[in-house]
Amino acid sequence: MKQPSVFTIAPSAPFAQTLARGLIARAGDDPLALSSAVIYLPTRRAARGFGEAFATVMGGAVLLPQFRPLGDSEEDELLFDAASQGLELAPAIAPCAGNCCWRG
C-alpha cells in the first residue's frame, strides 16, 4: 500500500501555482494521474481558485484533481429560521433596567 505524501511550500512562493507545478511533475506523463488526486483546502474560495492555477500552469484544458474545502460553509446553510423548522421560541428577555448585577 502506497503511503500518502506530505510536502511543504515556502511562504514566499505563490501557493496555488507552486502546488500545481509540483503535482503535475509528480503525475509525469499519465494524463489521468491528476484526476485521481484529492486536494483539501481551507475554504470553497480557495478550491475555486485552484482550477484557474492549474489551467494557467498547464496552458489550457486538463483533467483536474478534486478540490475539497475543509472548513467553509455556504452562507445559506448558516441561516436558521425557527418558524420554518416548526419551532416556537419564547419571547426575548426584556433589557436590563439599570438595577442588574452583572460583573464581567
N, C-alpha and C. Protein backbone atom coordinates (compact mmCIF):
# COMPACT_ATOMS: atom_id res chain seq x y z
N MET A 1 0.85 -1.19 0.00
CA MET A 1 0.00 0.00 0.00
C MET A 1 0.89 1.24 0.00
N LYS A 2 0.59 2.15 -0.90
CA LYS A 2 1.38 3.38 -1.01
C LYS A 2 0.99 4.35 0.10
N GLN A 3 1.98 4.90 0.77
CA GLN A 3 1.75 5.86 1.84
C GLN A 3 1.49 7.25 1.25
N PRO A 4 0.57 8.02 1.85
CA PRO A 4 0.36 9.39 1.38
C PRO A 4 1.63 10.22 1.58
N SER A 5 1.83 11.19 0.72
CA SER A 5 2.99 12.06 0.82
C SER A 5 2.56 13.43 1.31
N VAL A 6 3.40 14.03 2.11
CA VAL A 6 3.15 15.38 2.63
C VAL A 6 4.33 16.25 2.23
N PHE A 7 4.03 17.40 1.64
CA PHE A 7 5.06 18.31 1.18
C PHE A 7 4.78 19.69 1.75
N THR A 8 5.76 20.56 1.66
CA THR A 8 5.58 21.93 2.13
C THR A 8 5.93 22.91 1.01
N ILE A 9 5.35 24.09 1.11
CA ILE A 9 5.61 25.15 0.13
C ILE A 9 6.09 26.37 0.91
N ALA A 10 7.15 26.98 0.43
CA ALA A 10 7.72 28.15 1.11
C ALA A 10 6.67 29.26 1.18
N PRO A 11 6.64 30.00 2.30
CA PRO A 11 5.66 31.08 2.44
C PRO A 11 5.77 32.17 1.38
N SER A 12 6.95 32.35 0.82
CA SER A 12 7.14 33.40 -0.18
C SER A 12 6.73 32.97 -1.59
N ALA A 13 6.47 31.68 -1.79
CA ALA A 13 6.12 31.17 -3.12
C ALA A 13 4.63 31.34 -3.39
N PRO A 14 4.24 31.55 -4.65
CA PRO A 14 2.80 31.60 -4.99
C PRO A 14 2.21 30.20 -4.78
N PHE A 15 1.35 30.06 -3.79
CA PHE A 15 0.92 28.75 -3.32
C PHE A 15 0.23 27.92 -4.40
N ALA A 16 -0.79 28.45 -5.03
CA ALA A 16 -1.57 27.67 -5.99
C ALA A 16 -0.72 27.22 -7.17
N GLN A 17 0.06 28.11 -7.74
CA GLN A 17 0.89 27.75 -8.89
C GLN A 17 1.99 26.76 -8.51
N THR A 18 2.58 26.94 -7.33
CA THR A 18 3.63 26.03 -6.88
C THR A 18 3.07 24.63 -6.65
N LEU A 19 1.89 24.56 -6.03
CA LEU A 19 1.25 23.26 -5.81
C LEU A 19 0.91 22.61 -7.15
N ALA A 20 0.38 23.38 -8.08
CA ALA A 20 0.03 22.85 -9.40
C ALA A 20 1.27 22.29 -10.09
N ARG A 21 2.35 23.05 -10.09
CA ARG A 21 3.58 22.58 -10.74
C ARG A 21 4.10 21.29 -10.09
N GLY A 22 4.06 21.24 -8.77
CA GLY A 22 4.53 20.05 -8.06
C GLY A 22 3.69 18.82 -8.36
N LEU A 23 2.38 18.97 -8.38
CA LEU A 23 1.51 17.83 -8.68
C LEU A 23 1.65 17.38 -10.13
N ILE A 24 1.80 18.33 -11.03
CA ILE A 24 1.98 17.99 -12.44
C ILE A 24 3.30 17.23 -12.64
N ALA A 25 4.34 17.67 -11.94
CA ALA A 25 5.64 16.98 -12.03
C ALA A 25 5.53 15.55 -11.48
N ARG A 26 4.80 15.38 -10.39
CA ARG A 26 4.64 14.03 -9.81
C ARG A 26 3.76 13.14 -10.67
N ALA A 27 2.82 13.72 -11.40
CA ALA A 27 1.94 12.93 -12.24
C ALA A 27 2.67 12.36 -13.45
N GLY A 28 3.73 13.03 -13.88
CA GLY A 28 4.50 12.53 -15.01
C GLY A 28 3.73 12.62 -16.31
N ASP A 29 3.87 11.60 -17.13
CA ASP A 29 3.25 11.59 -18.45
C ASP A 29 1.83 11.04 -18.46
N ASP A 30 1.34 10.54 -17.35
CA ASP A 30 0.00 9.95 -17.29
C ASP A 30 -1.04 11.07 -17.27
N PRO A 31 -1.84 11.23 -18.33
CA PRO A 31 -2.81 12.32 -18.37
C PRO A 31 -3.96 12.16 -17.37
N LEU A 32 -4.17 10.95 -16.85
CA LEU A 32 -5.26 10.74 -15.90
C LEU A 32 -4.80 10.78 -14.45
N ALA A 33 -3.50 10.87 -14.22
CA ALA A 33 -2.98 10.83 -12.85
C ALA A 33 -3.49 12.00 -12.00
N LEU A 34 -3.56 13.17 -12.58
CA LEU A 34 -4.04 14.33 -11.81
C LEU A 34 -5.49 14.15 -11.38
N SER A 35 -6.30 13.54 -12.21
CA SER A 35 -7.72 13.40 -11.89
C SER A 35 -7.97 12.48 -10.71
N SER A 36 -6.99 11.67 -10.32
CA SER A 36 -7.17 10.79 -9.16
C SER A 36 -6.70 11.45 -7.86
N ALA A 37 -6.10 12.62 -7.94
CA ALA A 37 -5.62 13.32 -6.74
C ALA A 37 -6.76 14.08 -6.07
N VAL A 38 -6.67 14.19 -4.75
CA VAL A 38 -7.62 14.98 -3.96
C VAL A 38 -6.82 16.02 -3.18
N ILE A 39 -7.19 17.27 -3.32
CA ILE A 39 -6.52 18.36 -2.62
C ILE A 39 -7.51 18.97 -1.64
N TYR A 40 -7.17 18.94 -0.36
CA TYR A 40 -8.01 19.52 0.68
C TYR A 40 -7.53 20.93 0.96
N LEU A 41 -8.46 21.87 0.85
CA LEU A 41 -8.15 23.29 1.01
C LEU A 41 -9.02 23.88 2.13
N PRO A 42 -8.61 25.02 2.70
CA PRO A 42 -9.34 25.55 3.85
C PRO A 42 -10.74 26.08 3.54
N THR A 43 -10.97 26.61 2.34
CA THR A 43 -12.27 27.22 2.04
C THR A 43 -12.72 26.89 0.63
N ARG A 44 -14.00 27.16 0.34
CA ARG A 44 -14.51 26.97 -1.01
C ARG A 44 -13.88 27.98 -1.98
N ARG A 45 -13.61 29.16 -1.49
CA ARG A 45 -12.97 30.17 -2.33
C ARG A 45 -11.60 29.70 -2.79
N ALA A 46 -10.84 29.10 -1.89
CA ALA A 46 -9.53 28.56 -2.26
C ALA A 46 -9.68 27.44 -3.29
N ALA A 47 -10.67 26.60 -3.11
CA ALA A 47 -10.90 25.50 -4.05
C ALA A 47 -11.22 26.01 -5.44
N ARG A 48 -12.00 27.07 -5.54
CA ARG A 48 -12.33 27.64 -6.86
C ARG A 48 -11.09 28.21 -7.54
N GLY A 49 -10.22 28.84 -6.77
CA GLY A 49 -9.03 29.46 -7.33
C GLY A 49 -8.01 28.48 -7.86
N PHE A 50 -8.02 27.27 -7.34
CA PHE A 50 -7.02 26.30 -7.77
C PHE A 50 -7.25 25.81 -9.19
N GLY A 51 -8.47 25.74 -9.65
CA GLY A 51 -8.74 25.35 -11.03
C GLY A 51 -8.07 26.32 -12.00
N GLU A 52 -8.14 27.59 -11.68
CA GLU A 52 -7.51 28.61 -12.52
C GLU A 52 -5.99 28.46 -12.52
N ALA A 53 -5.42 28.16 -11.36
CA ALA A 53 -3.97 27.99 -11.27
C ALA A 53 -3.51 26.82 -12.11
N PHE A 54 -4.22 25.71 -12.07
CA PHE A 54 -3.85 24.55 -12.87
C PHE A 54 -3.97 24.85 -14.36
N ALA A 55 -5.01 25.55 -14.76
CA ALA A 55 -5.18 25.90 -16.17
C ALA A 55 -4.04 26.81 -16.64
N THR A 56 -3.62 27.73 -15.79
CA THR A 56 -2.52 28.63 -16.13
C THR A 56 -1.22 27.86 -16.30
N VAL A 57 -0.93 26.97 -15.36
CA VAL A 57 0.32 26.21 -15.41
C VAL A 57 0.32 25.24 -16.59
N MET A 58 -0.82 24.62 -16.88
CA MET A 58 -0.89 23.64 -17.96
C MET A 58 -1.05 24.31 -19.33
N GLY A 59 -1.46 25.56 -19.34
CA GLY A 59 -1.62 26.26 -20.60
C GLY A 59 -2.89 25.90 -21.35
N GLY A 60 -3.89 25.40 -20.65
CA GLY A 60 -5.14 25.06 -21.32
C GLY A 60 -5.94 24.06 -20.52
N ALA A 61 -6.75 23.28 -21.22
CA ALA A 61 -7.65 22.33 -20.57
C ALA A 61 -6.88 21.10 -20.08
N VAL A 62 -7.32 20.58 -18.94
CA VAL A 62 -6.71 19.40 -18.34
C VAL A 62 -7.72 18.77 -17.39
N LEU A 63 -7.61 17.47 -17.16
CA LEU A 63 -8.44 16.82 -16.15
C LEU A 63 -7.86 17.18 -14.79
N LEU A 64 -8.62 17.92 -14.01
CA LEU A 64 -8.13 18.46 -12.74
C LEU A 64 -8.30 17.48 -11.59
N PRO A 65 -7.50 17.69 -10.54
CA PRO A 65 -7.72 16.94 -9.31
C PRO A 65 -9.04 17.38 -8.67
N GLN A 66 -9.47 16.67 -7.67
CA GLN A 66 -10.66 17.08 -6.91
C GLN A 66 -10.20 18.07 -5.84
N PHE A 67 -10.90 19.19 -5.73
CA PHE A 67 -10.61 20.19 -4.72
C PHE A 67 -11.74 20.14 -3.69
N ARG A 68 -11.41 19.90 -2.44
CA ARG A 68 -12.44 19.80 -1.40
C ARG A 68 -12.14 20.77 -0.27
N PRO A 69 -13.11 21.61 0.06
CA PRO A 69 -12.92 22.53 1.18
C PRO A 69 -13.08 21.80 2.51
N LEU A 70 -12.30 22.20 3.51
CA LEU A 70 -12.36 21.58 4.83
C LEU A 70 -13.34 22.27 5.77
N GLY A 71 -13.21 23.57 5.92
CA GLY A 71 -13.96 24.22 6.98
C GLY A 71 -14.84 25.37 6.57
N ASP A 72 -15.28 25.39 5.37
CA ASP A 72 -16.08 26.51 4.90
C ASP A 72 -17.51 26.03 4.67
N SER A 73 -18.46 26.90 4.88
CA SER A 73 -19.84 26.54 4.61
C SER A 73 -20.51 27.68 3.84
N GLU A 74 -21.54 27.34 3.15
CA GLU A 74 -22.30 28.35 2.42
C GLU A 74 -23.07 29.21 3.41
N GLU A 75 -23.23 30.49 3.10
CA GLU A 75 -23.95 31.39 4.00
C GLU A 75 -25.38 30.94 4.22
N ASP A 76 -26.03 30.40 3.19
CA ASP A 76 -27.41 29.94 3.32
C ASP A 76 -27.53 28.81 4.33
N GLU A 77 -26.48 28.00 4.46
CA GLU A 77 -26.50 26.90 5.41
C GLU A 77 -26.47 27.42 6.85
N LEU A 78 -25.96 28.63 7.04
CA LEU A 78 -25.84 29.19 8.39
C LEU A 78 -27.12 29.85 8.88
N LEU A 79 -28.04 30.14 7.96
CA LEU A 79 -29.28 30.80 8.33
C LEU A 79 -30.20 29.82 9.06
N PHE A 80 -30.80 30.30 10.14
CA PHE A 80 -31.71 29.46 10.92
C PHE A 80 -33.01 30.22 11.07
N ASP A 81 -34.08 29.62 10.64
CA ASP A 81 -35.40 30.22 10.75
C ASP A 81 -36.26 29.28 11.57
N ALA A 82 -36.51 29.64 12.82
CA ALA A 82 -37.25 28.76 13.74
C ALA A 82 -38.65 28.46 13.21
N ALA A 83 -39.31 29.45 12.62
CA ALA A 83 -40.67 29.24 12.13
C ALA A 83 -40.71 28.19 11.02
N SER A 84 -39.74 28.22 10.13
CA SER A 84 -39.73 27.25 9.04
C SER A 84 -39.40 25.85 9.55
N GLN A 85 -38.79 25.76 10.71
CA GLN A 85 -38.47 24.47 11.31
C GLN A 85 -39.60 23.96 12.19
N GLY A 86 -40.67 24.76 12.33
CA GLY A 86 -41.81 24.36 13.16
C GLY A 86 -41.55 24.52 14.65
N LEU A 87 -40.61 25.38 15.01
CA LEU A 87 -40.28 25.59 16.42
C LEU A 87 -40.90 26.89 16.92
N GLU A 88 -41.35 26.86 18.16
CA GLU A 88 -41.85 28.08 18.79
C GLU A 88 -40.85 28.48 19.86
N LEU A 89 -40.36 29.71 19.75
CA LEU A 89 -39.39 30.20 20.72
C LEU A 89 -40.07 31.16 21.68
N ALA A 90 -39.60 31.16 22.92
CA ALA A 90 -40.10 32.10 23.91
C ALA A 90 -39.70 33.52 23.49
N PRO A 91 -40.48 34.53 23.90
CA PRO A 91 -40.11 35.90 23.54
C PRO A 91 -38.79 36.29 24.19
N ALA A 92 -38.14 37.27 23.59
CA ALA A 92 -36.86 37.74 24.11
C ALA A 92 -37.02 38.32 25.50
N ILE A 93 -35.99 38.23 26.30
CA ILE A 93 -35.99 38.79 27.65
C ILE A 93 -35.86 40.30 27.54
N ALA A 94 -36.59 41.02 28.38
CA ALA A 94 -36.54 42.48 28.36
C ALA A 94 -35.14 42.95 28.76
N PRO A 95 -34.70 44.07 28.18
CA PRO A 95 -33.38 44.58 28.54
C PRO A 95 -33.32 45.00 30.00
N CYS A 96 -32.13 45.01 30.55
CA CYS A 96 -31.90 45.36 31.95
C CYS A 96 -32.26 46.83 32.18
N ALA A 97 -32.92 47.12 33.28
CA ALA A 97 -33.39 48.48 33.56
C ALA A 97 -32.46 49.23 34.50
N GLY A 98 -31.22 48.85 34.60
CA GLY A 98 -30.26 49.63 35.40
C GLY A 98 -30.01 49.04 36.78
N ASN A 99 -30.80 48.11 37.26
CA ASN A 99 -30.58 47.55 38.58
C ASN A 99 -30.10 46.10 38.47
N CYS A 100 -29.43 45.76 37.42
CA CYS A 100 -28.93 44.41 37.22
C CYS A 100 -27.58 44.25 37.90
N CYS A 101 -27.29 43.06 38.30
CA CYS A 101 -25.99 42.76 38.90
C CYS A 101 -25.18 41.92 37.92
N TRP A 102 -24.47 42.59 37.05
CA TRP A 102 -23.65 41.89 36.08
C TRP A 102 -22.21 42.30 36.28
N ARG A 103 -21.37 41.32 36.44
CA ARG A 103 -19.94 41.60 36.59
C ARG A 103 -19.21 40.78 35.55
N GLY A 104 -18.48 41.44 34.68
CA GLY A 104 -17.79 40.78 33.60
C GLY A 104 -16.39 40.40 33.89
